[in-house]
Structure formats: C-alpha cells, structure tokens
C-alpha cells in the first residue's frame, strides 16, 4: 500500500494483491485495509487466514 498526496486533492491510498491482479484506491488507510481483507477473504481464503 502506498499513500499519495496531490496538491489541492485529498490523500489517497493505493493497494494491490500479491496473489492476483487486484488493485484498489481508497480515501484512507483503514478503508484500504478493510477492502484488502474483504478481497482476500473472498478470493484467497487460505492467504486471508495467514494474514
């Protein structure tokens, strides 16, 4: 995950999955963590159990 700040815009957080091509953009780190865990739970349950 990485955080980007753009002049005149809100901070955004990007994330990606190491197991597939999933990528996402969120407004906050907690939002990205929730999105990532939801993705892992749905698409990669074994990986989610280890996370």
N, C-alpha and C. Protein backbone atom coordinates (compact mmCIF):
# COMPACT_ATOMS: atom_id res chain seq x y z
N UNK A 1 0.84 -1.17 0.00
CA UNK A 1 0.00 0.00 0.00
C UNK A 1 0.88 1.23 0.00
N UNK A 2 0.41 2.22 -0.68
CA UNK A 2 1.16 3.47 -0.68
C UNK A 2 0.18 4.63 -0.57
N UNK A 3 0.67 5.72 -0.03
CA UNK A 3 -0.15 6.90 0.18
C UNK A 3 0.35 8.01 -0.73
N UNK A 4 -0.58 8.68 -1.39
CA UNK A 4 -0.20 9.76 -2.30
C UNK A 4 -0.92 11.04 -1.90
N UNK A 5 -0.20 12.13 -1.96
CA UNK A 5 -0.79 13.43 -1.71
C UNK A 5 -0.65 14.25 -2.98
N UNK A 6 -1.77 14.81 -3.43
CA UNK A 6 -1.77 15.63 -4.63
C UNK A 6 -2.20 17.04 -4.25
N UNK A 7 -1.52 18.03 -4.78
CA UNK A 7 -1.90 19.41 -4.44
C UNK A 7 -3.38 19.67 -4.75
N UNK A 8 -4.10 20.21 -3.79
CA UNK A 8 -5.49 20.54 -3.97
C UNK A 8 -6.44 19.36 -3.91
N UNK A 9 -5.93 18.17 -3.63
CA UNK A 9 -6.78 16.98 -3.57
C UNK A 9 -6.58 16.26 -2.25
N UNK A 10 -7.53 15.41 -1.95
CA UNK A 10 -7.43 14.61 -0.74
C UNK A 10 -6.34 13.56 -0.89
N UNK A 11 -5.87 13.06 0.21
CA UNK A 11 -4.89 11.98 0.21
C UNK A 11 -5.57 10.71 -0.26
N UNK A 12 -4.86 9.93 -1.05
CA UNK A 12 -5.41 8.64 -1.48
C UNK A 12 -4.42 7.54 -1.14
N UNK A 13 -4.94 6.35 -0.94
CA UNK A 13 -4.13 5.19 -0.61
C UNK A 13 -4.39 4.14 -1.68
N UNK A 14 -3.32 3.60 -2.24
CA UNK A 14 -3.46 2.56 -3.25
C UNK A 14 -3.04 1.23 -2.65
N UNK A 15 -3.61 0.18 -3.18
CA UNK A 15 -3.26 -1.15 -2.72
C UNK A 15 -3.34 -2.15 -3.85
N UNK A 16 -2.64 -3.25 -3.69
CA UNK A 16 -2.69 -4.32 -4.69
C UNK A 16 -2.52 -5.67 -3.99
N UNK A 17 -2.89 -6.71 -4.70
CA UNK A 17 -2.81 -8.06 -4.16
C UNK A 17 -1.61 -8.77 -4.77
N UNK A 18 -0.85 -9.44 -3.92
CA UNK A 18 0.31 -10.19 -4.39
C UNK A 18 -0.07 -11.53 -5.00
N UNK A 19 -1.34 -11.90 -4.87
CA UNK A 19 -1.81 -13.20 -5.36
C UNK A 19 -2.51 -13.11 -6.71
N UNK A 20 -2.91 -11.91 -7.12
CA UNK A 20 -3.62 -11.73 -8.39
C UNK A 20 -3.44 -10.28 -8.85
N UNK A 21 -4.22 -9.86 -9.79
CA UNK A 21 -4.07 -8.52 -10.37
C UNK A 21 -4.98 -7.48 -9.73
N UNK A 22 -5.54 -7.77 -8.57
CA UNK A 22 -6.45 -6.85 -7.88
C UNK A 22 -5.70 -5.58 -7.48
N UNK A 23 -6.30 -4.43 -7.76
CA UNK A 23 -5.78 -3.13 -7.35
C UNK A 23 -6.95 -2.30 -6.85
N UNK A 24 -6.67 -1.38 -5.93
CA UNK A 24 -7.74 -0.55 -5.39
C UNK A 24 -7.21 0.81 -4.98
N UNK A 25 -8.13 1.75 -4.89
CA UNK A 25 -7.83 3.11 -4.46
C UNK A 25 -8.83 3.45 -3.36
N UNK A 26 -8.33 3.95 -2.23
CA UNK A 26 -9.18 4.29 -1.10
C UNK A 26 -8.82 5.68 -0.58
N UNK A 27 -9.73 6.24 0.20
CA UNK A 27 -9.52 7.58 0.76
C UNK A 27 -8.69 7.55 2.03
N UNK A 28 -8.58 6.37 2.67
CA UNK A 28 -7.82 6.29 3.92
C UNK A 28 -7.18 4.91 4.07
N UNK A 29 -6.19 4.83 4.93
CA UNK A 29 -5.53 3.55 5.18
C UNK A 29 -6.48 2.53 5.78
N UNK A 30 -7.29 2.88 6.79
CA UNK A 30 -8.23 1.89 7.33
C UNK A 30 -9.22 1.36 6.28
N UNK A 31 -9.66 2.25 5.40
CA UNK A 31 -10.56 1.82 4.33
C UNK A 31 -9.87 0.83 3.40
N UNK A 32 -8.60 1.08 3.08
CA UNK A 32 -7.86 0.17 2.20
C UNK A 32 -7.65 -1.18 2.87
N UNK A 33 -7.32 -1.18 4.15
CA UNK A 33 -7.12 -2.44 4.87
C UNK A 33 -8.41 -3.27 4.82
N UNK A 34 -9.54 -2.63 5.06
CA UNK A 34 -10.82 -3.34 5.00
C UNK A 34 -11.08 -3.89 3.60
N UNK A 35 -10.84 -3.09 2.58
CA UNK A 35 -11.04 -3.55 1.20
C UNK A 35 -10.12 -4.73 0.88
N UNK A 36 -8.88 -4.65 1.31
CA UNK A 36 -7.91 -5.71 1.03
C UNK A 36 -8.30 -7.01 1.75
N UNK A 37 -8.69 -6.90 3.01
CA UNK A 37 -9.10 -8.10 3.75
C UNK A 37 -10.37 -8.70 3.17
N UNK A 38 -11.30 -7.86 2.75
CA UNK A 38 -12.51 -8.37 2.08
C UNK A 38 -12.13 -9.14 0.82
N UNK A 39 -11.21 -8.58 0.04
CA UNK A 39 -10.74 -9.24 -1.18
C UNK A 39 -10.09 -10.58 -0.85
N UNK A 40 -9.18 -10.58 0.10
CA UNK A 40 -8.51 -11.83 0.47
C UNK A 40 -9.51 -12.88 0.95
N UNK A 41 -10.43 -12.47 1.79
CA UNK A 41 -11.41 -13.40 2.34
C UNK A 41 -12.25 -14.04 1.23
N UNK A 42 -12.62 -13.24 0.22
CA UNK A 42 -13.46 -13.73 -0.87
C UNK A 42 -12.69 -14.52 -1.92
N UNK A 43 -11.51 -14.04 -2.29
CA UNK A 43 -10.77 -14.62 -3.42
C UNK A 43 -9.63 -15.55 -3.03
N UNK A 44 -9.04 -15.34 -1.86
CA UNK A 44 -7.87 -16.12 -1.43
C UNK A 44 -8.02 -16.48 0.06
N UNK A 45 -9.00 -17.31 0.41
CA UNK A 45 -9.27 -17.58 1.83
C UNK A 45 -8.08 -18.16 2.60
N UNK A 46 -7.26 -18.97 1.96
CA UNK A 46 -6.10 -19.52 2.65
C UNK A 46 -5.10 -18.41 3.01
N UNK A 47 -4.87 -17.49 2.10
CA UNK A 47 -3.98 -16.37 2.36
C UNK A 47 -4.56 -15.46 3.44
N UNK A 48 -5.89 -15.29 3.42
CA UNK A 48 -6.52 -14.43 4.41
C UNK A 48 -6.34 -15.02 5.81
N UNK A 49 -6.43 -16.33 5.93
CA UNK A 49 -6.26 -16.97 7.24
C UNK A 49 -4.85 -16.74 7.80
N UNK A 50 -3.86 -16.59 6.93
CA UNK A 50 -2.49 -16.34 7.38
C UNK A 50 -2.25 -14.88 7.69
N UNK A 51 -3.07 -13.99 7.15
CA UNK A 51 -2.87 -12.54 7.32
C UNK A 51 -3.29 -12.07 8.64
